[in-house]
N, C-alpha and C. Protein backbone atom coordinates (compact mmCIF):
# COMPACT_ATOMS: atom_id res chain seq x y z
N UNK A 1 0.76 -1.30 0.08
CA UNK A 1 -0.14 -0.27 -0.12
C UNK A 1 1.23 1.26 -0.12
N UNK A 2 0.74 1.86 -0.84
CA UNK A 2 1.64 3.32 -1.13
C UNK A 2 0.89 4.31 0.09
N UNK A 3 1.97 5.01 0.32
CA UNK A 3 1.94 6.38 1.42
C UNK A 3 1.77 7.77 0.65
N UNK A 4 0.61 8.21 0.90
CA UNK A 4 0.67 9.41 0.29
C UNK A 4 0.47 10.55 1.19
N UNK A 5 1.16 11.80 0.38
CA UNK A 5 1.13 12.92 1.29
C UNK A 5 -0.14 13.43 1.16
N UNK A 6 -0.49 14.51 2.31
CA UNK A 6 -1.88 15.03 2.73
C UNK A 6 -2.17 15.72 1.29
N UNK A 7 -0.98 16.30 0.32
CA UNK A 7 -1.46 17.04 -0.56
C UNK A 7 -1.93 15.86 -1.91
N UNK A 8 -1.12 14.88 -2.13
CA UNK A 8 -1.58 13.77 -2.91
C UNK A 8 -3.24 13.29 -2.55
N UNK A 9 -3.53 13.30 -1.15
CA UNK A 9 -4.63 12.67 -0.76
C UNK A 9 -5.82 13.80 -1.44
N UNK A 10 -5.41 15.01 -1.04
CA UNK A 10 -6.47 16.07 -1.34
C UNK A 10 -6.45 16.26 -2.80
N UNK A 11 -5.65 15.84 -3.60
CA UNK A 11 -6.04 15.93 -5.09
C UNK A 11 -6.52 14.76 -5.56
N UNK A 12 -6.34 13.62 -5.01
CA UNK A 12 -7.11 12.18 -5.40
C UNK A 12 -8.65 12.41 -4.81
N UNK A 13 -8.64 13.40 -3.92
CA UNK A 13 -10.30 13.48 -3.38
C UNK A 13 -10.65 12.62 -2.00
N UNK A 14 -9.59 12.42 -1.39
CA UNK A 14 -9.61 11.79 0.00
C UNK A 14 -10.81 12.80 1.03
N UNK A 15 -10.41 13.88 0.96
CA UNK A 15 -10.88 15.09 1.82
C UNK A 15 -11.94 15.76 0.98
N UNK A 16 -13.26 15.79 1.74
CA UNK A 16 -14.51 16.08 1.26
C UNK A 16 -14.35 17.66 1.69
N UNK A 17 -14.44 18.92 1.45
CA UNK A 17 -14.70 20.10 1.70
C UNK A 17 -16.40 20.22 1.90
N UNK A 18 -16.81 20.55 2.96
CA UNK A 18 -17.95 20.93 3.58
C UNK A 18 -18.27 22.52 3.58
N UNK A 19 -19.48 22.81 3.23
CA UNK A 19 -19.90 24.22 3.33
C UNK A 19 -20.07 24.61 4.80
N UNK A 20 -19.78 25.35 5.35
CA UNK A 20 -20.39 26.00 6.50
C UNK A 20 -21.63 26.06 7.06
N UNK A 21 -22.18 25.37 8.22
CA UNK A 21 -23.94 25.70 7.78
C UNK A 21 -23.89 27.16 8.86
N UNK A 22 -24.99 27.63 8.43
CA UNK A 22 -25.62 29.12 8.97
C UNK A 22 -26.77 28.55 9.84
N UNK A 23 -26.73 29.51 10.95
CA UNK A 23 -27.73 29.34 11.92
C UNK A 23 -28.75 29.95 11.34
N UNK A 24 -29.97 28.89 11.45
CA UNK A 24 -31.60 28.96 10.80
C UNK A 24 -31.95 30.47 11.50
N UNK A 25 -31.60 30.80 12.71
CA UNK A 25 -32.35 31.74 13.47
C UNK A 25 -31.55 32.84 13.42
N UNK A 26 -30.24 33.16 13.27
CA UNK A 26 -29.44 34.23 12.82
C UNK A 26 -30.05 34.75 11.83
N UNK A 27 -30.07 33.79 10.73
CA UNK A 27 -30.48 34.10 9.29
C UNK A 27 -31.69 34.80 9.16
N UNK A 28 -32.65 34.41 9.67
CA UNK A 28 -34.11 34.71 9.81
C UNK A 28 -34.32 35.65 10.75
N UNK A 29 -32.96 36.03 11.54
CA UNK A 29 -33.12 37.25 12.52
C UNK A 29 -34.46 37.00 13.61
N UNK A 30 -34.38 35.82 14.18
CA UNK A 30 -35.25 35.34 14.83
C UNK A 30 -34.79 35.22 16.34
N UNK A 31 -35.04 36.27 17.31
CA UNK A 31 -34.79 36.40 18.66
C UNK A 31 -35.25 35.33 19.39
N UNK A 32 -36.67 35.34 19.77
CA UNK A 32 -37.01 34.53 20.51
C UNK A 32 -37.67 33.22 19.92
N UNK A 33 -37.45 32.44 20.63
CA UNK A 33 -37.89 30.87 20.52
C UNK A 33 -39.07 30.39 21.01
N UNK A 34 -40.22 30.23 20.32
CA UNK A 34 -41.41 30.30 21.22
C UNK A 34 -41.61 28.42 21.54
N UNK A 35 -41.95 28.23 22.74
CA UNK A 35 -42.21 26.95 23.01
C UNK A 35 -43.29 26.46 22.44
N UNK A 36 -44.49 26.91 21.98
CA UNK A 36 -45.57 26.63 21.33
C UNK A 36 -45.57 26.45 19.96
N UNK A 37 -44.47 26.84 19.10
CA UNK A 37 -44.54 26.93 17.83
C UNK A 37 -43.76 25.37 17.74
N UNK A 38 -44.41 24.38 17.39
CA UNK A 38 -44.21 22.82 17.81
C UNK A 38 -43.40 22.48 16.26
N UNK A 39 -44.05 23.10 14.91
CA UNK A 39 -43.39 22.75 13.97
C UNK A 39 -41.81 23.15 13.67
N UNK A 40 -41.50 24.19 14.42
CA UNK A 40 -40.17 24.86 14.53
C UNK A 40 -39.37 23.87 15.38
N UNK A 41 -39.74 23.52 16.35
CA UNK A 41 -39.31 22.72 17.40
C UNK A 41 -39.15 21.28 16.79
N UNK A 42 -40.27 20.68 16.22
CA UNK A 42 -40.01 19.32 15.60
C UNK A 42 -38.80 19.20 14.50
N UNK A 43 -38.48 20.35 13.77
CA UNK A 43 -37.44 20.59 13.14
C UNK A 43 -36.08 20.12 13.42
N UNK A 44 -35.85 20.69 14.51
CA UNK A 44 -34.49 20.17 15.32
C UNK A 44 -34.63 19.18 16.34
N UNK A 45 -35.48 18.30 16.13
CA UNK A 45 -35.75 16.77 16.84
C UNK A 45 -35.57 15.72 15.92
N UNK A 46 -35.02 14.60 16.35
CA UNK A 46 -35.27 13.57 15.35
C UNK A 46 -36.36 12.55 15.45
N UNK A 47 -36.70 11.59 14.96
CA UNK A 47 -37.84 11.05 14.66
C UNK A 47 -38.34 10.36 16.17
N UNK A 48 -37.12 10.03 17.22
CA UNK A 48 -37.16 9.26 18.26
C UNK A 48 -37.52 10.41 19.58
N UNK A 49 -37.56 11.65 19.09
CA UNK A 49 -37.92 12.86 20.05
C UNK A 49 -36.58 13.41 20.62
N UNK A 50 -35.56 13.11 20.46
CA UNK A 50 -34.16 13.84 20.69
C UNK A 50 -33.76 14.82 20.08
N UNK A 51 -33.25 15.78 21.00
CA UNK A 51 -32.81 17.36 20.35
C UNK A 51 -31.43 16.80 19.59
N UNK A 52 -31.51 17.49 18.25
CA UNK A 52 -30.35 17.20 17.29
C UNK A 52 -29.18 18.24 17.92
N UNK A 53 -28.02 17.73 17.36
CA UNK A 53 -26.88 18.46 18.05
C UNK A 53 -26.62 19.59 17.09
N UNK A 54 -25.66 20.52 17.65
CA UNK A 54 -25.37 21.86 16.72
C UNK A 54 -24.78 21.09 15.78
N UNK A 55 -23.80 20.40 15.42
CA UNK A 55 -22.93 19.96 14.56
C UNK A 55 -23.84 19.51 13.11
N UNK A 56 -25.18 19.01 13.60
CA UNK A 56 -26.09 18.59 12.58
C UNK A 56 -27.01 19.59 12.01
N UNK A 57 -27.37 20.27 12.98
CA UNK A 57 -28.19 21.63 12.61
C UNK A 57 -27.63 22.83 12.11
N UNK A 58 -26.42 22.97 12.71
CA UNK A 58 -25.87 24.26 12.26
C UNK A 58 -26.37 25.42 13.49
N UNK A 59 -26.90 25.38 14.17
CA UNK A 59 -27.56 26.51 14.72
C UNK A 59 -26.19 26.96 15.85
N UNK A 60 -26.40 28.27 16.04
CA UNK A 60 -24.96 28.84 16.89
C UNK A 60 -25.38 28.55 18.50
N UNK A 61 -24.38 28.73 19.30
CA UNK A 61 -24.74 28.40 20.72
C UNK A 61 -25.60 28.95 21.28
N UNK A 62 -25.76 30.26 21.27
CA UNK A 62 -26.83 31.01 22.02
C UNK A 62 -28.25 30.56 21.58
N UNK A 63 -28.55 30.22 20.15
CA UNK A 63 -29.71 29.59 19.83
C UNK A 63 -29.93 28.14 20.21
N UNK A 64 -28.83 27.47 20.36
CA UNK A 64 -29.16 26.04 20.43
C UNK A 64 -29.55 26.02 22.09
N UNK A 65 -28.80 26.64 22.90
CA UNK A 65 -29.29 26.90 24.19
C UNK A 65 -30.74 27.11 24.30
N UNK A 66 -31.42 28.16 24.13
CA UNK A 66 -32.81 28.78 23.47
C UNK A 66 -33.70 27.39 23.23
N UNK A 67 -33.13 26.92 22.08
CA UNK A 67 -33.68 26.03 21.53
C UNK A 67 -33.98 24.69 22.25
N UNK A 68 -33.01 24.26 23.06
CA UNK A 68 -33.02 23.28 24.31
C UNK A 68 -33.83 23.67 24.92
N UNK A 69 -34.08 24.70 25.64
CA UNK A 69 -34.90 25.24 26.68
C UNK A 69 -36.40 25.21 26.13
N UNK A 70 -36.44 25.70 24.86
CA UNK A 70 -38.09 25.40 24.58
C UNK A 70 -38.44 24.18 24.26
N UNK A 71 -37.82 23.35 23.90
CA UNK A 71 -38.26 21.86 23.64
C UNK A 71 -38.34 21.39 24.74
N UNK A 72 -37.64 21.69 26.11
CA UNK A 72 -37.67 20.97 27.28
C UNK A 72 -38.72 21.50 27.88
N UNK A 73 -39.14 22.91 27.62
CA UNK A 73 -40.26 23.66 28.23
C UNK A 73 -41.55 22.72 27.47
N UNK A 74 -41.69 22.54 26.28
CA UNK A 74 -42.50 22.06 25.57
C UNK A 74 -42.97 20.61 26.03
N UNK A 75 -41.94 20.05 26.38
CA UNK A 75 -42.06 18.27 26.90
C UNK A 75 -42.78 18.37 28.21
N UNK A 76 -42.41 19.50 28.99
CA UNK A 76 -42.94 19.34 30.38
C UNK A 76 -44.51 19.79 30.40
N UNK A 77 -44.88 20.51 29.71
CA UNK A 77 -46.43 20.55 29.68
C UNK A 77 -46.99 19.87 28.53
N UNK A 78 -46.51 18.82 27.99
CA UNK A 78 -46.67 17.80 27.35
C UNK A 78 -47.47 17.99 25.77
N UNK A 79 -46.78 19.34 25.17
CA UNK A 79 -46.87 19.59 23.70
C UNK A 79 -46.08 18.60 23.11
N UNK A 80 -44.74 18.01 23.31
CA UNK A 80 -44.01 17.21 22.83
C UNK A 80 -43.52 15.97 23.35
N UNK A 81 -43.23 14.90 22.87
CA UNK A 81 -43.05 13.57 23.50
C UNK A 81 -41.40 13.63 23.79
N UNK A 82 -41.35 12.92 25.10
CA UNK A 82 -39.81 12.60 25.46
C UNK A 82 -39.23 11.68 24.85
N UNK A 83 -38.17 11.41 24.74
CA UNK A 83 -37.15 10.62 23.74
C UNK A 83 -37.71 9.25 24.35
N UNK A 84 -37.86 8.56 23.12
CA UNK A 84 -38.39 7.00 23.36
C UNK A 84 -36.86 6.27 23.71
N UNK A 85 -37.08 5.37 24.59
CA UNK A 85 -35.61 4.42 24.79
C UNK A 85 -36.05 3.20 24.28
């Protein structure tokens, strides 16, 4: 097996370049995340009811914290389901 340098690997297509994800809330200039907006909250949850991580959704840190709080609040008052184990 041949050893390739990083430059050779890059030219051969071993490394994929990904576009940086932009925060949905920053792009739409949404300041408050409402716990009653279930369609928006479900967008950031998987089918089992877990909150998707930042690296998957592309949200910024501040909005991810607000989003998690809104999802947890909606779960507490039974608007959303808890994660299935």
